[in-house]
Amino acid sequence: FQNGSINLSELSRLSGISRPTLYKY
């Protein structure tokens, strides 16, 4: 995600983590 290979939605799906929790992390 940091290097732009995936976006926030893909990070959420791949990691199995909800958007609100991702924002927190």
PDBML (XML) file of the C-alpha atoms, coordinates in Angstrom:
<?xml version="1.0" encoding="UTF-8" ?>
<PDBx:datablock datablockName="MODEL"
   xmlns:PDBx="http://pdbml.pdb.org/schema/pdbx-v50.xsd"
   xmlns:xsi="http://www.w3.org/2001/XMLSchema-instance"
   xsi:schemaLocation="http://pdbml.pdb.org/schema/pdbx-v50.xsd pdbx-v50.xsd">
   <PDBx:atom_siteCategory>
      <PDBx:atom_site id="1">
         <PDBx:B_iso_or_equiv>0.00</PDBx:B_iso_or_equiv>
         <PDBx:Cartn_x>0.000</PDBx:Cartn_x>
         <PDBx:Cartn_y>0.000</PDBx:Cartn_y>
         <PDBx:Cartn_z>0.000</PDBx:Cartn_z>
         <PDBx:auth_asym_id>A</PDBx:auth_asym_id>
         <PDBx:auth_atom_id>CA</PDBx:auth_atom_id>
         <PDBx:auth_comp_id>PHE</PDBx:auth_comp_id>
         <PDBx:auth_seq_id>1</PDBx:auth_seq_id>
         <PDBx:group_PDB>ATOM</PDBx:group_PDB>
         <PDBx:label_alt_id xsi:nil="true" />
         <PDBx:label_asym_id>A</PDBx:label_asym_id>
         <PDBx:label_atom_id>CA</PDBx:label_atom_id>
         <PDBx:label_comp_id>PHE</PDBx:label_comp_id>
         <PDBx:label_entity_id>1</PDBx:label_entity_id>
         <PDBx:label_seq_id>1</PDBx:label_seq_id>
         <PDBx:occupancy>1.00</PDBx:occupancy>
         <PDBx:pdbx_PDB_model_num>1</PDBx:pdbx_PDB_model_num>
         <PDBx:type_symbol>C</PDBx:type_symbol>
      </PDBx:atom_site>
      <PDBx:atom_site id="2">
         <PDBx:B_iso_or_equiv>0.00</PDBx:B_iso_or_equiv>
         <PDBx:Cartn_x>2.838</PDBx:Cartn_x>
         <PDBx:Cartn_y>2.338</PDBx:Cartn_y>
         <PDBx:Cartn_z>0.914</PDBx:Cartn_z>
         <PDBx:auth_asym_id>A</PDBx:auth_asym_id>
         <PDBx:auth_atom_id>CA</PDBx:auth_atom_id>
         <PDBx:auth_comp_id>GLN</PDBx:auth_comp_id>
         <PDBx:auth_seq_id>2</PDBx:auth_seq_id>
         <PDBx:group_PDB>ATOM</PDBx:group_PDB>
         <PDBx:label_alt_id xsi:nil="true" />
         <PDBx:label_asym_id>A</PDBx:label_asym_id>
         <PDBx:label_atom_id>CA</PDBx:label_atom_id>
         <PDBx:label_comp_id>GLN</PDBx:label_comp_id>
         <PDBx:label_entity_id>1</PDBx:label_entity_id>
         <PDBx:label_seq_id>2</PDBx:label_seq_id>
         <PDBx:occupancy>1.00</PDBx:occupancy>
         <PDBx:pdbx_PDB_model_num>1</PDBx:pdbx_PDB_model_num>
         <PDBx:type_symbol>C</PDBx:type_symbol>
      </PDBx:atom_site>
      <PDBx:atom_site id="3">
         <PDBx:B_iso_or_equiv>0.00</PDBx:B_iso_or_equiv>
         <PDBx:Cartn_x>4.567</PDBx:Cartn_x>
         <PDBx:Cartn_y>1.946</PDBx:Cartn_y>
         <PDBx:Cartn_z>-2.462</PDBx:Cartn_z>
         <PDBx:auth_asym_id>A</PDBx:auth_asym_id>
         <PDBx:auth_atom_id>CA</PDBx:auth_atom_id>
         <PDBx:auth_comp_id>ASN</PDBx:auth_comp_id>
         <PDBx:auth_seq_id>3</PDBx:auth_seq_id>
         <PDBx:group_PDB>ATOM</PDBx:group_PDB>
         <PDBx:label_alt_id xsi:nil="true" />
         <PDBx:label_asym_id>A</PDBx:label_asym_id>
         <PDBx:label_atom_id>CA</PDBx:label_atom_id>
         <PDBx:label_comp_id>ASN</PDBx:label_comp_id>
         <PDBx:label_entity_id>1</PDBx:label_entity_id>
         <PDBx:label_seq_id>3</PDBx:label_seq_id>
         <PDBx:occupancy>1.00</PDBx:occupancy>
         <PDBx:pdbx_PDB_model_num>1</PDBx:pdbx_PDB_model_num>
         <PDBx:type_symbol>C</PDBx:type_symbol>
      </PDBx:atom_site>
      <PDBx:atom_site id="4">
         <PDBx:B_iso_or_equiv>0.00</PDBx:B_iso_or_equiv>
         <PDBx:Cartn_x>1.295</PDBx:Cartn_x>
         <PDBx:Cartn_y>2.309</PDBx:Cartn_y>
         <PDBx:Cartn_z>-4.386</PDBx:Cartn_z>
         <PDBx:auth_asym_id>A</PDBx:auth_asym_id>
         <PDBx:auth_atom_id>CA</PDBx:auth_atom_id>
         <PDBx:auth_comp_id>GLY</PDBx:auth_comp_id>
         <PDBx:auth_seq_id>4</PDBx:auth_seq_id>
         <PDBx:group_PDB>ATOM</PDBx:group_PDB>
         <PDBx:label_alt_id xsi:nil="true" />
         <PDBx:label_asym_id>A</PDBx:label_asym_id>
         <PDBx:label_atom_id>CA</PDBx:label_atom_id>
         <PDBx:label_comp_id>GLY</PDBx:label_comp_id>
         <PDBx:label_entity_id>1</PDBx:label_entity_id>
         <PDBx:label_seq_id>4</PDBx:label_seq_id>
         <PDBx:occupancy>1.00</PDBx:occupancy>
         <PDBx:pdbx_PDB_model_num>1</PDBx:pdbx_PDB_model_num>
         <PDBx:type_symbol>C</PDBx:type_symbol>
      </PDBx:atom_site>
      <PDBx:atom_site id="5">
         <PDBx:B_iso_or_equiv>0.00</PDBx:B_iso_or_equiv>
         <PDBx:Cartn_x>1.017</PDBx:Cartn_x>
         <PDBx:Cartn_y>-1.307</PDBx:Cartn_y>
         <PDBx:Cartn_z>-5.593</PDBx:Cartn_z>
         <PDBx:auth_asym_id>A</PDBx:auth_asym_id>
         <PDBx:auth_atom_id>CA</PDBx:auth_atom_id>
         <PDBx:auth_comp_id>SER</PDBx:auth_comp_id>
         <PDBx:auth_seq_id>5</PDBx:auth_seq_id>
         <PDBx:group_PDB>ATOM</PDBx:group_PDB>
         <PDBx:label_alt_id xsi:nil="true" />
         <PDBx:label_asym_id>A</PDBx:label_asym_id>
         <PDBx:label_atom_id>CA</PDBx:label_atom_id>
         <PDBx:label_comp_id>SER</PDBx:label_comp_id>
         <PDBx:label_entity_id>1</PDBx:label_entity_id>
         <PDBx:label_seq_id>5</PDBx:label_seq_id>
         <PDBx:occupancy>1.00</PDBx:occupancy>
         <PDBx:pdbx_PDB_model_num>1</PDBx:pdbx_PDB_model_num>
         <PDBx:type_symbol>C</PDBx:type_symbol>
      </PDBx:atom_site>
      <PDBx:atom_site id="6">
         <PDBx:B_iso_or_equiv>0.00</PDBx:B_iso_or_equiv>
         <PDBx:Cartn_x>-2.408</PDBx:Cartn_x>
         <PDBx:Cartn_y>-1.623</PDBx:Cartn_y>
         <PDBx:Cartn_z>-3.982</PDBx:Cartn_z>
         <PDBx:auth_asym_id>A</PDBx:auth_asym_id>
         <PDBx:auth_atom_id>CA</PDBx:auth_atom_id>
         <PDBx:auth_comp_id>ILE</PDBx:auth_comp_id>
         <PDBx:auth_seq_id>6</PDBx:auth_seq_id>
         <PDBx:group_PDB>ATOM</PDBx:group_PDB>
         <PDBx:label_alt_id xsi:nil="true" />
         <PDBx:label_asym_id>A</PDBx:label_asym_id>
         <PDBx:label_atom_id>CA</PDBx:label_atom_id>
         <PDBx:label_comp_id>ILE</PDBx:label_comp_id>
         <PDBx:label_entity_id>1</PDBx:label_entity_id>
         <PDBx:label_seq_id>6</PDBx:label_seq_id>
         <PDBx:occupancy>1.00</PDBx:occupancy>
         <PDBx:pdbx_PDB_model_num>1</PDBx:pdbx_PDB_model_num>
         <PDBx:type_symbol>C</PDBx:type_symbol>
      </PDBx:atom_site>
      <PDBx:atom_site id="7">
         <PDBx:B_iso_or_equiv>0.00</PDBx:B_iso_or_equiv>
         <PDBx:Cartn_x>-5.045</PDBx:Cartn_x>
         <PDBx:Cartn_y>0.885</PDBx:Cartn_y>
         <PDBx:Cartn_z>-2.901</PDBx:Cartn_z>
         <PDBx:auth_asym_id>A</PDBx:auth_asym_id>
         <PDBx:auth_atom_id>CA</PDBx:auth_atom_id>
         <PDBx:auth_comp_id>ASN</PDBx:auth_comp_id>
         <PDBx:auth_seq_id>7</PDBx:auth_seq_id>
         <PDBx:group_PDB>ATOM</PDBx:group_PDB>
         <PDBx:label_alt_id xsi:nil="true" />
         <PDBx:label_asym_id>A</PDBx:label_asym_id>
         <PDBx:label_atom_id>CA</PDBx:label_atom_id>
         <PDBx:label_comp_id>ASN</PDBx:label_comp_id>
         <PDBx:label_entity_id>1</PDBx:label_entity_id>
         <PDBx:label_seq_id>7</PDBx:label_seq_id>
         <PDBx:occupancy>1.00</PDBx:occupancy>
         <PDBx:pdbx_PDB_model_num>1</PDBx:pdbx_PDB_model_num>
         <PDBx:type_symbol>C</PDBx:type_symbol>
      </PDBx:atom_site>
      <PDBx:atom_site id="8">
         <PDBx:B_iso_or_equiv>0.00</PDBx:B_iso_or_equiv>
         <PDBx:Cartn_x>-6.916</PDBx:Cartn_x>
         <PDBx:Cartn_y>1.154</PDBx:Cartn_y>
         <PDBx:Cartn_z>0.390</PDBx:Cartn_z>
         <PDBx:auth_asym_id>A</PDBx:auth_asym_id>
         <PDBx:auth_atom_id>CA</PDBx:auth_atom_id>
         <PDBx:auth_comp_id>LEU</PDBx:auth_comp_id>
         <PDBx:auth_seq_id>8</PDBx:auth_seq_id>
         <PDBx:group_PDB>ATOM</PDBx:group_PDB>
         <PDBx:label_alt_id xsi:nil="true" />
         <PDBx:label_asym_id>A</PDBx:label_asym_id>
         <PDBx:label_atom_id>CA</PDBx:label_atom_id>
         <PDBx:label_comp_id>LEU</PDBx:label_comp_id>
         <PDBx:label_entity_id>1</PDBx:label_entity_id>
         <PDBx:label_seq_id>8</PDBx:label_seq_id>
         <PDBx:occupancy>1.00</PDBx:occupancy>
         <PDBx:pdbx_PDB_model_num>1</PDBx:pdbx_PDB_model_num>
         <PDBx:type_symbol>C</PDBx:type_symbol>
      </PDBx:atom_site>
      <PDBx:atom_site id="9">
         <PDBx:B_iso_or_equiv>0.00</PDBx:B_iso_or_equiv>
         <PDBx:Cartn_x>-9.765</PDBx:Cartn_x>
         <PDBx:Cartn_y>-1.111</PDBx:Cartn_y>
         <PDBx:Cartn_z>-0.769</PDBx:Cartn_z>
         <PDBx:auth_asym_id>A</PDBx:auth_asym_id>
         <PDBx:auth_atom_id>CA</PDBx:auth_atom_id>
         <PDBx:auth_comp_id>SER</PDBx:auth_comp_id>
         <PDBx:auth_seq_id>9</PDBx:auth_seq_id>
         <PDBx:group_PDB>ATOM</PDBx:group_PDB>
         <PDBx:label_alt_id xsi:nil="true" />
         <PDBx:label_asym_id>A</PDBx:label_asym_id>
         <PDBx:label_atom_id>CA</PDBx:label_atom_id>
         <PDBx:label_comp_id>SER</PDBx:label_comp_id>
         <PDBx:label_entity_id>1</PDBx:label_entity_id>
         <PDBx:label_seq_id>9</PDBx:label_seq_id>
         <PDBx:occupancy>1.00</PDBx:occupancy>
         <PDBx:pdbx_PDB_model_num>1</PDBx:pdbx_PDB_model_num>
         <PDBx:type_symbol>C</PDBx:type_symbol>
      </PDBx:atom_site>
      <PDBx:atom_site id="10">
         <PDBx:B_iso_or_equiv>0.00</PDBx:B_iso_or_equiv>
         <PDBx:Cartn_x>-7.304</PDBx:Cartn_x>
         <PDBx:Cartn_y>-3.817</PDBx:Cartn_y>
         <PDBx:Cartn_z>-1.828</PDBx:Cartn_z>
         <PDBx:auth_asym_id>A</PDBx:auth_asym_id>
         <PDBx:auth_atom_id>CA</PDBx:auth_atom_id>
         <PDBx:auth_comp_id>GLU</PDBx:auth_comp_id>
         <PDBx:auth_seq_id>10</PDBx:auth_seq_id>
         <PDBx:group_PDB>ATOM</PDBx:group_PDB>
         <PDBx:label_alt_id xsi:nil="true" />
         <PDBx:label_asym_id>A</PDBx:label_asym_id>
         <PDBx:label_atom_id>CA</PDBx:label_atom_id>
         <PDBx:label_comp_id>GLU</PDBx:label_comp_id>
         <PDBx:label_entity_id>1</PDBx:label_entity_id>
         <PDBx:label_seq_id>10</PDBx:label_seq_id>
         <PDBx:occupancy>1.00</PDBx:occupancy>
         <PDBx:pdbx_PDB_model_num>1</PDBx:pdbx_PDB_model_num>
         <PDBx:type_symbol>C</PDBx:type_symbol>
      </PDBx:atom_site>
      <PDBx:atom_site id="11">
         <PDBx:B_iso_or_equiv>0.00</PDBx:B_iso_or_equiv>
         <PDBx:Cartn_x>-5.412</PDBx:Cartn_x>
         <PDBx:Cartn_y>-3.483</PDBx:Cartn_y>
         <PDBx:Cartn_z>1.453</PDBx:Cartn_z>
         <PDBx:auth_asym_id>A</PDBx:auth_asym_id>
         <PDBx:auth_atom_id>CA</PDBx:auth_atom_id>
         <PDBx:auth_comp_id>LEU</PDBx:auth_comp_id>
         <PDBx:auth_seq_id>11</PDBx:auth_seq_id>
         <PDBx:group_PDB>ATOM</PDBx:group_PDB>
         <PDBx:label_alt_id xsi:nil="true" />
         <PDBx:label_asym_id>A</PDBx:label_asym_id>
         <PDBx:label_atom_id>CA</PDBx:label_atom_id>
         <PDBx:label_comp_id>LEU</PDBx:label_comp_id>
         <PDBx:label_entity_id>1</PDBx:label_entity_id>
         <PDBx:label_seq_id>11</PDBx:label_seq_id>
         <PDBx:occupancy>1.00</PDBx:occupancy>
         <PDBx:pdbx_PDB_model_num>1</PDBx:pdbx_PDB_model_num>
         <PDBx:type_symbol>C</PDBx:type_symbol>
      </PDBx:atom_site>
      <PDBx:atom_site id="12">
         <PDBx:B_iso_or_equiv>0.00</PDBx:B_iso_or_equiv>
         <PDBx:Cartn_x>-8.702</PDBx:Cartn_x>
         <PDBx:Cartn_y>-3.948</PDBx:Cartn_y>
         <PDBx:Cartn_z>3.317</PDBx:Cartn_z>
         <PDBx:auth_asym_id>A</PDBx:auth_asym_id>
         <PDBx:auth_atom_id>CA</PDBx:auth_atom_id>
         <PDBx:auth_comp_id>SER</PDBx:auth_comp_id>
         <PDBx:auth_seq_id>12</PDBx:auth_seq_id>
         <PDBx:group_PDB>ATOM</PDBx:group_PDB>
         <PDBx:label_alt_id xsi:nil="true" />
         <PDBx:label_asym_id>A</PDBx:label_asym_id>
         <PDBx:label_atom_id>CA</PDBx:label_atom_id>
         <PDBx:label_comp_id>SER</PDBx:label_comp_id>
         <PDBx:label_entity_id>1</PDBx:label_entity_id>
         <PDBx:label_seq_id>12</PDBx:label_seq_id>
         <PDBx:occupancy>1.00</PDBx:occupancy>
         <PDBx:pdbx_PDB_model_num>1</PDBx:pdbx_PDB_model_num>
         <PDBx:type_symbol>C</PDBx:type_symbol>
      </PDBx:atom_site>
      <PDBx:atom_site id="13">
         <PDBx:B_iso_or_equiv>0.00</PDBx:B_iso_or_equiv>
         <PDBx:Cartn_x>-9.645</PDBx:Cartn_x>
         <PDBx:Cartn_y>-7.024</PDBx:Cartn_y>
         <PDBx:Cartn_z>1.276</PDBx:Cartn_z>
         <PDBx:auth_asym_id>A</PDBx:auth_asym_id>
         <PDBx:auth_atom_id>CA</PDBx:auth_atom_id>
         <PDBx:auth_comp_id>ARG</PDBx:auth_comp_id>
         <PDBx:auth_seq_id>13</PDBx:auth_seq_id>
         <PDBx:group_PDB>ATOM</PDBx:group_PDB>
         <PDBx:label_alt_id xsi:nil="true" />
         <PDBx:label_asym_id>A</PDBx:label_asym_id>
         <PDBx:label_atom_id>CA</PDBx:label_atom_id>
         <PDBx:label_comp_id>ARG</PDBx:label_comp_id>
         <PDBx:label_entity_id>1</PDBx:label_entity_id>
         <PDBx:label_seq_id>13</PDBx:label_seq_id>
         <PDBx:occupancy>1.00</PDBx:occupancy>
         <PDBx:pdbx_PDB_model_num>1</PDBx:pdbx_PDB_model_num>
         <PDBx:type_symbol>C</PDBx:type_symbol>
      </PDBx:atom_site>
      <PDBx:atom_site id="14">
         <PDBx:B_iso_or_equiv>0.00</PDBx:B_iso_or_equiv>
         <PDBx:Cartn_x>-6.225</PDBx:Cartn_x>
         <PDBx:Cartn_y>-8.695</PDBx:Cartn_y>
         <PDBx:Cartn_z>1.358</PDBx:Cartn_z>
         <PDBx:auth_asym_id>A</PDBx:auth_asym_id>
         <PDBx:auth_atom_id>CA</PDBx:auth_atom_id>
         <PDBx:auth_comp_id>LEU</PDBx:auth_comp_id>
         <PDBx:auth_seq_id>14</PDBx:auth_seq_id>
         <PDBx:group_PDB>ATOM</PDBx:group_PDB>
         <PDBx:label_alt_id xsi:nil="true" />
         <PDBx:label_asym_id>A</PDBx:label_asym_id>
         <PDBx:label_atom_id>CA</PDBx:label_atom_id>
         <PDBx:label_comp_id>LEU</PDBx:label_comp_id>
         <PDBx:label_entity_id>1</PDBx:label_entity_id>
         <PDBx:label_seq_id>14</PDBx:label_seq_id>
         <PDBx:occupancy>1.00</PDBx:occupancy>
         <PDBx:pdbx_PDB_model_num>1</PDBx:pdbx_PDB_model_num>
         <PDBx:type_symbol>C</PDBx:type_symbol>
      </PDBx:atom_site>
      <PDBx:atom_site id="15">
         <PDBx:B_iso_or_equiv>0.00</PDBx:B_iso_or_equiv>
         <PDBx:Cartn_x>-5.700</PDBx:Cartn_x>
         <PDBx:Cartn_y>-8.154</PDBx:Cartn_y>
         <PDBx:Cartn_z>5.066</PDBx:Cartn_z>
         <PDBx:auth_asym_id>A</PDBx:auth_asym_id>
         <PDBx:auth_atom_id>CA</PDBx:auth_atom_id>
         <PDBx:auth_comp_id>SER</PDBx:auth_comp_id>
         <PDBx:auth_seq_id>15</PDBx:auth_seq_id>
         <PDBx:group_PDB>ATOM</PDBx:group_PDB>
         <PDBx:label_alt_id xsi:nil="true" />
         <PDBx:label_asym_id>A</PDBx:label_asym_id>
         <PDBx:label_atom_id>CA</PDBx:label_atom_id>
         <PDBx:label_comp_id>SER</PDBx:label_comp_id>
         <PDBx:label_entity_id>1</PDBx:label_entity_id>
         <PDBx:label_seq_id>15</PDBx:label_seq_id>
         <PDBx:occupancy>1.00</PDBx:occupancy>
         <PDBx:pdbx_PDB_model_num>1</PDBx:pdbx_PDB_model_num>
         <PDBx:type_symbol>C</PDBx:type_symbol>
      </PDBx:atom_site>
      <PDBx:atom_site id="16">
         <PDBx:B_iso_or_equiv>0.00</PDBx:B_iso_or_equiv>
         <PDBx:Cartn_x>-9.310</PDBx:Cartn_x>
         <PDBx:Cartn_y>-8.941</PDBx:Cartn_y>
         <PDBx:Cartn_z>5.997</PDBx:Cartn_z>
         <PDBx:auth_asym_id>A</PDBx:auth_asym_id>
         <PDBx:auth_atom_id>CA</PDBx:auth_atom_id>
         <PDBx:auth_comp_id>GLY</PDBx:auth_comp_id>
         <PDBx:auth_seq_id>16</PDBx:auth_seq_id>
         <PDBx:group_PDB>ATOM</PDBx:group_PDB>
         <PDBx:label_alt_id xsi:nil="true" />
         <PDBx:label_asym_id>A</PDBx:label_asym_id>
         <PDBx:label_atom_id>CA</PDBx:label_atom_id>
         <PDBx:label_comp_id>GLY</PDBx:label_comp_id>
         <PDBx:label_entity_id>1</PDBx:label_entity_id>
         <PDBx:label_seq_id>16</PDBx:label_seq_id>
         <PDBx:occupancy>1.00</PDBx:occupancy>
         <PDBx:pdbx_PDB_model_num>1</PDBx:pdbx_PDB_model_num>
         <PDBx:type_symbol>C</PDBx:type_symbol>
      </PDBx:atom_site>
      <PDBx:atom_site id="17">
         <PDBx:B_iso_or_equiv>0.00</PDBx:B_iso_or_equiv>
         <PDBx:Cartn_x>-9.572</PDBx:Cartn_x>
         <PDBx:Cartn_y>-5.726</PDBx:Cartn_y>
         <PDBx:Cartn_z>8.015</PDBx:Cartn_z>
         <PDBx:auth_asym_id>A</PDBx:auth_asym_id>
         <PDBx:auth_atom_id>CA</PDBx:auth_atom_id>
         <PDBx:auth_comp_id>ILE</PDBx:auth_comp_id>
         <PDBx:auth_seq_id>17</PDBx:auth_seq_id>
         <PDBx:group_PDB>ATOM</PDBx:group_PDB>
         <PDBx:label_alt_id xsi:nil="true" />
         <PDBx:label_asym_id>A</PDBx:label_asym_id>
         <PDBx:label_atom_id>CA</PDBx:label_atom_id>
         <PDBx:label_comp_id>ILE</PDBx:label_comp_id>
         <PDBx:label_entity_id>1</PDBx:label_entity_id>
         <PDBx:label_seq_id>17</PDBx:label_seq_id>
         <PDBx:occupancy>1.00</PDBx:occupancy>
         <PDBx:pdbx_PDB_model_num>1</PDBx:pdbx_PDB_model_num>
         <PDBx:type_symbol>C</PDBx:type_symbol>
      </PDBx:atom_site>
      <PDBx:atom_site id="18">
         <PDBx:B_iso_or_equiv>0.00</PDBx:B_iso_or_equiv>
         <PDBx:Cartn_x>-12.427</PDBx:Cartn_x>
         <PDBx:Cartn_y>-3.213</PDBx:Cartn_y>
         <PDBx:Cartn_z>7.915</PDBx:Cartn_z>
         <PDBx:auth_asym_id>A</PDBx:auth_asym_id>
         <PDBx:auth_atom_id>CA</PDBx:auth_atom_id>
         <PDBx:auth_comp_id>SER</PDBx:auth_comp_id>
         <PDBx:auth_seq_id>18</PDBx:auth_seq_id>
         <PDBx:group_PDB>ATOM</PDBx:group_PDB>
         <PDBx:label_alt_id xsi:nil="true" />
         <PDBx:label_asym_id>A</PDBx:label_asym_id>
         <PDBx:label_atom_id>CA</PDBx:label_atom_id>
         <PDBx:label_comp_id>SER</PDBx:label_comp_id>
         <PDBx:label_entity_id>1</PDBx:label_entity_id>
         <PDBx:label_seq_id>18</PDBx:label_seq_id>
         <PDBx:occupancy>1.00</PDBx:occupancy>
         <PDBx:pdbx_PDB_model_num>1</PDBx:pdbx_PDB_model_num>
         <PDBx:type_symbol>C</PDBx:type_symbol>
      </PDBx:atom_site>
      <PDBx:atom_site id="19">
         <PDBx:B_iso_or_equiv>0.00</PDBx:B_iso_or_equiv>
         <PDBx:Cartn_x>-11.885</PDBx:Cartn_x>
         <PDBx:Cartn_y>0.355</PDBx:Cartn_y>
         <PDBx:Cartn_z>6.642</PDBx:Cartn_z>
         <PDBx:auth_asym_id>A</PDBx:auth_asym_id>
         <PDBx:auth_atom_id>CA</PDBx:auth_atom_id>
         <PDBx:auth_comp_id>ARG</PDBx:auth_comp_id>
         <PDBx:auth_seq_id>19</PDBx:auth_seq_id>
         <PDBx:group_PDB>ATOM</PDBx:group_PDB>
         <PDBx:label_alt_id xsi:nil="true" />
         <PDBx:label_asym_id>A</PDBx:label_asym_id>
         <PDBx:label_atom_id>CA</PDBx:label_atom_id>
         <PDBx:label_comp_id>ARG</PDBx:label_comp_id>
         <PDBx:label_entity_id>1</PDBx:label_entity_id>
         <PDBx:label_seq_id>19</PDBx:label_seq_id>
         <PDBx:occupancy>1.00</PDBx:occupancy>
         <PDBx:pdbx_PDB_model_num>1</PDBx:pdbx_PDB_model_num>
         <PDBx:type_symbol>C</PDBx:type_symbol>
      </PDBx:atom_site>
      <PDBx:atom_site id="20">
         <PDBx:B_iso_or_equiv>0.00</PDBx:B_iso_or_equiv>
         <PDBx:Cartn_x>-12.336</PDBx:Cartn_x>
         <PDBx:Cartn_y>2.036</PDBx:Cartn_y>
         <PDBx:Cartn_z>10.078</PDBx:Cartn_z>
         <PDBx:auth_asym_id>A</PDBx:auth_asym_id>
         <PDBx:auth_atom_id>CA</PDBx:auth_atom_id>
         <PDBx:auth_comp_id>PRO</PDBx:auth_comp_id>
         <PDBx:auth_seq_id>20</PDBx:auth_seq_id>
         <PDBx:group_PDB>ATOM</PDBx:group_PDB>
         <PDBx:label_alt_id xsi:nil="true" />
         <PDBx:label_asym_id>A</PDBx:label_asym_id>
         <PDBx:label_atom_id>CA</PDBx:label_atom_id>
         <PDBx:label_comp_id>PRO</PDBx:label_comp_id>
         <PDBx:label_entity_id>1</PDBx:label_entity_id>
         <PDBx:label_seq_id>20</PDBx:label_seq_id>
         <PDBx:occupancy>1.00</PDBx:occupancy>
         <PDBx:pdbx_PDB_model_num>1</PDBx:pdbx_PDB_model_num>
         <PDBx:type_symbol>C</PDBx:type_symbol>
      </PDBx:atom_site>
      <PDBx:atom_site id="21">
         <PDBx:B_iso_or_equiv>0.00</PDBx:B_iso_or_equiv>
         <PDBx:Cartn_x>-9.784</PDBx:Cartn_x>
         <PDBx:Cartn_y>-0.336</PDBx:Cartn_y>
         <PDBx:Cartn_z>11.634</PDBx:Cartn_z>
         <PDBx:auth_asym_id>A</PDBx:auth_asym_id>
         <PDBx:auth_atom_id>CA</PDBx:auth_atom_id>
         <PDBx:auth_comp_id>THR</PDBx:auth_comp_id>
         <PDBx:auth_seq_id>21</PDBx:auth_seq_id>
         <PDBx:group_PDB>ATOM</PDBx:group_PDB>
         <PDBx:label_alt_id xsi:nil="true" />
         <PDBx:label_asym_id>A</PDBx:label_asym_id>
         <PDBx:label_atom_id>CA</PDBx:label_atom_id>
         <PDBx:label_comp_id>THR</PDBx:label_comp_id>
         <PDBx:label_entity_id>1</PDBx:label_entity_id>
         <PDBx:label_seq_id>21</PDBx:label_seq_id>
         <PDBx:occupancy>1.00</PDBx:occupancy>
         <PDBx:pdbx_PDB_model_num>1</PDBx:pdbx_PDB_model_num>
         <PDBx:type_symbol>C</PDBx:type_symbol>
      </PDBx:atom_site>
      <PDBx:atom_site id="22">
         <PDBx:B_iso_or_equiv>0.00</PDBx:B_iso_or_equiv>
         <PDBx:Cartn_x>-7.378</PDBx:Cartn_x>
         <PDBx:Cartn_y>0.256</PDBx:Cartn_y>
         <PDBx:Cartn_z>8.731</PDBx:Cartn_z>
         <PDBx:auth_asym_id>A</PDBx:auth_asym_id>
         <PDBx:auth_atom_id>CA</PDBx:auth_atom_id>
         <PDBx:auth_comp_id>LEU</PDBx:auth_comp_id>
         <PDBx:auth_seq_id>22</PDBx:auth_seq_id>
         <PDBx:group_PDB>ATOM</PDBx:group_PDB>
         <PDBx:label_alt_id xsi:nil="true" />
         <PDBx:label_asym_id>A</PDBx:label_asym_id>
         <PDBx:label_atom_id>CA</PDBx:label_atom_id>
         <PDBx:label_comp_id>LEU</PDBx:label_comp_id>
         <PDBx:label_entity_id>1</PDBx:label_entity_id>
         <PDBx:label_seq_id>22</PDBx:label_seq_id>
         <PDBx:occupancy>1.00</PDBx:occupancy>
         <PDBx:pdbx_PDB_model_num>1</PDBx:pdbx_PDB_model_num>
         <PDBx:type_symbol>C</PDBx:type_symbol>
      </PDBx:atom_site>
      <PDBx:atom_site id="23">
         <PDBx:B_iso_or_equiv>0.00</PDBx:B_iso_or_equiv>
         <PDBx:Cartn_x>-7.557</PDBx:Cartn_x>
         <PDBx:Cartn_y>4.024</PDBx:Cartn_y>
         <PDBx:Cartn_z>9.255</PDBx:Cartn_z>
         <PDBx:auth_asym_id>A</PDBx:auth_asym_id>
         <PDBx:auth_atom_id>CA</PDBx:auth_atom_id>
         <PDBx:auth_comp_id>TYR</PDBx:auth_comp_id>
         <PDBx:auth_seq_id>23</PDBx:auth_seq_id>
         <PDBx:group_PDB>ATOM</PDBx:group_PDB>
         <PDBx:label_alt_id xsi:nil="true" />
         <PDBx:label_asym_id>A</PDBx:label_asym_id>
         <PDBx:label_atom_id>CA</PDBx:label_atom_id>
         <PDBx:label_comp_id>TYR</PDBx:label_comp_id>
         <PDBx:label_entity_id>1</PDBx:label_entity_id>
         <PDBx:label_seq_id>23</PDBx:label_seq_id>
         <PDBx:occupancy>1.00</PDBx:occupancy>
         <PDBx:pdbx_PDB_model_num>1</PDBx:pdbx_PDB_model_num>
         <PDBx:type_symbol>C</PDBx:type_symbol>
      </PDBx:atom_site>
      <PDBx:atom_site id="24">
         <PDBx:B_iso_or_equiv>0.00</PDBx:B_iso_or_equiv>
         <PDBx:Cartn_x>-6.715</PDBx:Cartn_x>
         <PDBx:Cartn_y>3.444</PDBx:Cartn_y>
         <PDBx:Cartn_z>12.918</PDBx:Cartn_z>
         <PDBx:auth_asym_id>A</PDBx:auth_asym_id>
         <PDBx:auth_atom_id>CA</PDBx:auth_atom_id>
         <PDBx:auth_comp_id>LYS</PDBx:auth_comp_id>
         <PDBx:auth_seq_id>24</PDBx:auth_seq_id>
         <PDBx:group_PDB>ATOM</PDBx:group_PDB>
         <PDBx:label_alt_id xsi:nil="true" />
         <PDBx:label_asym_id>A</PDBx:label_asym_id>
         <PDBx:label_atom_id>CA</PDBx:label_atom_id>
         <PDBx:label_comp_id>LYS</PDBx:label_comp_id>
         <PDBx:label_entity_id>1</PDBx:label_entity_id>
         <PDBx:label_seq_id>24</PDBx:label_seq_id>
         <PDBx:occupancy>1.00</PDBx:occupancy>
         <PDBx:pdbx_PDB_model_num>1</PDBx:pdbx_PDB_model_num>
         <PDBx:type_symbol>C</PDBx:type_symbol>
      </PDBx:atom_site>
      <PDBx:atom_site id="25">
         <PDBx:B_iso_or_equiv>0.00</PDBx:B_iso_or_equiv>
         <PDBx:Cartn_x>-3.743</PDBx:Cartn_x>
         <PDBx:Cartn_y>1.184</PDBx:Cartn_y>
         <PDBx:Cartn_z>12.041</PDBx:Cartn_z>
         <PDBx:auth_asym_id>A</PDBx:auth_asym_id>
         <PDBx:auth_atom_id>CA</PDBx:auth_atom_id>
         <PDBx:auth_comp_id>TYR</PDBx:auth_comp_id>
         <PDBx:auth_seq_id>25</PDBx:auth_seq_id>
         <PDBx:group_PDB>ATOM</PDBx:group_PDB>
         <PDBx:label_alt_id xsi:nil="true" />
         <PDBx:label_asym_id>A</PDBx:label_asym_id>
         <PDBx:label_atom_id>CA</PDBx:label_atom_id>
         <PDBx:label_comp_id>TYR</PDBx:label_comp_id>
         <PDBx:label_entity_id>1</PDBx:label_entity_id>
         <PDBx:label_seq_id>25</PDBx:label_seq_id>
         <PDBx:occupancy>1.00</PDBx:occupancy>
         <PDBx:pdbx_PDB_model_num>1</PDBx:pdbx_PDB_model_num>
         <PDBx:type_symbol>C</PDBx:type_symbol>
      </PDBx:atom_site>
   </PDBx:atom_siteCategory>
</PDBx:datablock>
